[in-house]
């Protein structure tokens, strides 16, 4: 089972990805977590990423794709993955699809967590952990998402991979809706057969 979660910062992608990974016994791959690990470890990649992230900007496609290749392949061989945080643009999606298809690990369904902007801002401010999460940076991150990532919704809709889920609801309700949508698309899946 290979699932992609799309949504703005604060939409609940990480929470839902963790829940889906546990339910279907697949790997949760978060591009953000991988990038943060590089920053924490102060790798050469991490130093570049730190400056970009502090300004609310995206990391270049080639860097993220190289970083994700091994985890995606390993997860696919182990039964599947739930990917969140990548791709972040249509260009990334097209490039990632070409690579994934050649390796036989392309996504089977994309889930769009649709959350109102006011709710996103409220959530992001509530979980703010430092100077990088100011209201100004949050607004910039949401603007960048709308400009660069929101077009993914149309891209995946055209590919017939996308299902929309109202992410404004309580966490458990969102999880239930996602599971229903996945099983409508892929059929009922027990953890053993996922």
Protein backbone atom coordinates (compact mmCIF):
# COMPACT_ATOMS: atom_id res chain seq x y z
CA UNK A 1 0.00 0.00 0.00
CA UNK A 2 1.51 3.32 -1.12
CA UNK A 3 -0.25 6.47 0.08
CA UNK A 4 0.54 10.17 -0.32
CA UNK A 5 -0.85 12.84 2.00
CA UNK A 6 -1.18 16.40 0.65
CA UNK A 7 -2.10 19.39 2.78
CA UNK A 8 -0.95 22.75 3.99
CA UNK A 9 1.31 23.15 7.02
CA UNK A 10 -0.91 22.48 10.04
CA UNK A 11 -3.40 20.30 8.14
CA UNK A 12 -2.55 17.21 10.20
CA UNK A 13 -0.49 15.27 7.65
CA UNK A 14 2.01 13.99 10.21
CA UNK A 15 -0.64 12.87 12.69
CA UNK A 16 -2.70 11.12 10.03
CA UNK A 17 0.38 9.56 8.42
CA UNK A 18 1.40 8.06 11.79
CA UNK A 19 -2.11 6.64 12.27
CA UNK A 20 -2.29 5.17 8.77
CA UNK A 21 1.20 3.68 9.02
CA UNK A 22 0.22 1.96 12.27
CA UNK A 23 -3.14 0.77 10.91
CA UNK A 24 -1.73 -0.73 7.70
CA UNK A 25 1.69 -1.68 9.12
CA UNK A 26 3.62 0.37 6.58
CA UNK A 27 6.37 2.97 6.97
CA UNK A 28 5.63 6.66 7.54
CA UNK A 29 8.12 8.68 5.50
CA UNK A 30 8.17 12.38 6.29
CA UNK A 31 10.41 14.53 4.11
CA UNK A 32 10.27 17.18 6.84
CA UNK A 33 11.50 14.75 9.51
CA UNK A 34 14.33 13.57 7.25
CA UNK A 35 15.34 17.16 6.53
CA UNK A 36 15.16 18.11 10.22
CA UNK A 37 17.43 15.16 11.05
CA UNK A 38 20.00 16.47 8.57
CA UNK A 39 19.74 19.93 10.19
CA UNK A 40 20.11 18.47 13.69
CA UNK A 41 23.12 16.42 12.60
CA UNK A 42 24.59 19.55 10.91
CA UNK A 43 25.33 17.63 7.71
CA UNK A 44 26.30 19.70 4.64
CA UNK A 45 22.74 19.22 3.40
CA UNK A 46 21.43 20.20 6.82
CA UNK A 47 23.26 23.53 6.80
CA UNK A 48 21.75 24.46 3.42
CA UNK A 49 18.32 23.28 4.51
CA UNK A 50 18.48 25.28 7.78
CA UNK A 51 18.79 28.60 5.96
CA UNK A 52 15.95 27.79 3.56
CA UNK A 53 13.59 26.53 6.26
CA UNK A 54 14.22 29.52 8.53
CA UNK A 55 12.96 31.73 5.70
CA UNK A 56 9.96 29.47 5.05
CA UNK A 57 11.26 28.41 1.62
CA UNK A 58 11.40 24.98 -0.01
CA UNK A 59 14.46 22.77 -0.40
CA UNK A 60 15.49 22.10 -4.05
CA UNK A 61 13.80 19.15 -5.73
CA UNK A 62 16.97 17.21 -6.51
CA UNK A 63 18.09 17.29 -2.87
CA UNK A 64 14.78 16.00 -1.54
CA UNK A 65 14.42 13.32 -4.23
CA UNK A 66 17.91 11.97 -3.56
CA UNK A 67 17.22 11.97 0.16
CA UNK A 68 13.90 10.08 -0.26
CA UNK A 69 14.95 7.44 -2.80
CA UNK A 70 16.40 4.89 -0.35
CA UNK A 71 13.65 5.20 2.31
CA UNK A 72 10.89 4.86 -0.32
CA UNK A 73 12.51 1.79 -1.90
CA UNK A 74 13.09 0.15 1.49
CA UNK A 75 9.52 0.88 2.64
CA UNK A 76 8.04 -0.44 -0.61
CA UNK A 77 9.96 -3.69 -0.24
CA UNK A 78 8.66 -3.98 3.35
CA UNK A 79 4.99 -3.58 2.40
CA UNK A 80 4.42 0.07 1.58
CA UNK A 81 4.57 3.63 2.81
CA UNK A 82 2.65 6.72 3.80
CA UNK A 83 4.49 9.73 2.40
CA UNK A 84 3.96 13.26 3.62
CA UNK A 85 5.73 16.49 2.76
CA UNK A 86 6.78 15.53 -0.77
CA UNK A 87 6.15 16.27 -3.56
CA UNK A 88 5.56 19.98 -2.98
CA UNK A 89 5.10 21.07 -6.57
CA UNK A 90 3.76 19.67 -9.83
CA UNK A 91 7.31 19.61 -11.23
CA UNK A 92 8.41 17.48 -8.25
CA UNK A 93 5.38 15.23 -8.67
CA UNK A 94 6.14 14.60 -12.35
CA UNK A 95 9.81 13.91 -11.68
CA UNK A 96 9.01 11.69 -8.69
CA UNK A 97 6.41 9.76 -10.69
CA UNK A 98 8.90 9.04 -13.47
CA UNK A 99 11.45 7.70 -10.98
CA UNK A 100 8.89 5.81 -8.87
CA UNK A 101 7.27 4.23 -11.92
CA UNK A 102 10.62 3.00 -13.22
CA UNK A 103 11.19 1.39 -9.81
CA UNK A 104 7.61 0.09 -9.42
CA UNK A 105 6.97 2.09 -6.24
CA UNK A 106 4.54 4.81 -7.43
CA UNK A 107 1.73 5.93 -5.15
CA UNK A 108 -1.64 4.23 -5.34
CA UNK A 109 -3.77 6.97 -3.79
CA UNK A 110 -3.27 10.62 -2.79
CA UNK A 111 -5.26 12.06 0.10
CA UNK A 112 -5.84 15.82 0.22
CA UNK A 113 -6.44 17.15 3.74
CA UNK A 114 -8.46 20.29 3.12
CA UNK A 115 -8.34 22.74 6.05
CA UNK A 116 -9.48 26.38 6.20
CA UNK A 117 -6.67 28.96 6.35
CA UNK A 118 -7.88 30.44 9.67
CA UNK A 119 -7.81 26.98 11.23
CA UNK A 120 -4.32 26.34 9.83
CA UNK A 121 -3.02 29.59 11.35
CA UNK A 122 -4.67 28.75 14.69
CA UNK A 123 -3.08 25.28 14.76
CA UNK A 124 0.36 26.50 13.71
CA UNK A 125 0.40 29.29 16.29
CA UNK A 126 -0.77 26.84 18.98
CA UNK A 127 2.15 24.50 18.29
CA UNK A 128 4.70 27.28 17.74
CA UNK A 129 8.04 26.19 19.19
CA UNK A 130 10.28 29.16 18.65
CA UNK A 131 11.17 32.23 16.65
CA UNK A 132 10.84 30.43 13.29
CA UNK A 133 7.11 29.97 13.92
CA UNK A 134 6.06 33.62 14.09
CA UNK A 135 2.75 34.73 12.59
CA UNK A 136 4.68 36.34 9.73
CA UNK A 137 6.61 33.15 8.90
CA UNK A 138 3.42 31.08 9.19
CA UNK A 139 1.64 33.40 6.74
CA UNK A 140 4.60 33.11 4.34
CA UNK A 141 4.61 29.30 4.60
CA UNK A 142 0.89 29.20 3.78
CA UNK A 143 1.37 31.59 0.85
CA UNK A 144 4.21 29.43 -0.50
CA UNK A 145 2.00 26.35 -0.10
CA UNK A 146 -0.85 27.98 -2.04
CA UNK A 147 1.46 29.06 -4.84
CA UNK A 148 3.62 25.94 -5.19
CA UNK A 149 1.86 22.98 -3.58
CA UNK A 150 -1.88 23.59 -3.97
CA UNK A 151 -1.65 22.92 -7.76
CA UNK A 152 -0.88 19.29 -6.81
CA UNK A 153 -4.58 18.92 -6.05
CA UNK A 154 -5.42 19.47 -9.72
CA UNK A 155 -2.48 17.33 -10.88
CA UNK A 156 -3.54 14.30 -8.83
CA UNK A 157 -7.22 14.85 -9.62
CA UNK A 158 -6.36 14.59 -13.33
CA UNK A 159 -4.47 11.36 -12.64
CA UNK A 160 -7.53 10.01 -10.76
CA UNK A 161 -5.40 9.36 -7.68
CA UNK A 162 -6.78 12.10 -5.44
CA UNK A 163 -9.48 11.98 -2.79
CA UNK A 164 -10.49 14.97 -0.68
CA UNK A 165 -10.99 14.79 3.06
CA UNK A 166 -12.32 17.62 5.25
CA UNK A 167 -9.44 18.12 7.67
CA UNK A 168 -11.26 20.71 9.81
CA UNK A 169 -12.87 17.91 11.84
CA UNK A 170 -11.58 16.20 15.00
CA UNK A 171 -8.56 13.93 14.47
CA UNK A 172 -10.47 10.64 14.89
CA UNK A 173 -13.15 11.71 12.39
CA UNK A 174 -10.49 12.67 9.84
CA UNK A 175 -8.76 9.30 10.28
CA UNK A 176 -12.05 7.46 9.75
CA UNK A 177 -12.78 9.43 6.57
CA UNK A 178 -9.29 8.74 5.20
CA UNK A 179 -9.60 5.00 5.87
CA UNK A 180 -13.00 4.94 4.15
CA UNK A 181 -11.59 6.77 1.10
CA UNK A 182 -8.54 4.51 0.89
CA UNK A 183 -10.68 1.39 1.07
CA UNK A 184 -13.10 2.76 -1.53
CA UNK A 185 -10.11 3.22 -3.86
CA UNK A 186 -8.01 0.16 -3.02
CA UNK A 187 -10.56 -2.19 -1.46
CA UNK A 188 -10.68 -3.40 2.14
CA UNK A 189 -7.20 -4.01 3.46
CA UNK A 190 -6.26 -5.76 6.62
CA UNK A 191 -2.81 -4.97 8.03
CA UNK A 192 -1.60 -8.40 6.87
CA UNK A 193 -2.67 -7.80 3.26
CA UNK A 194 -1.82 -4.11 3.03
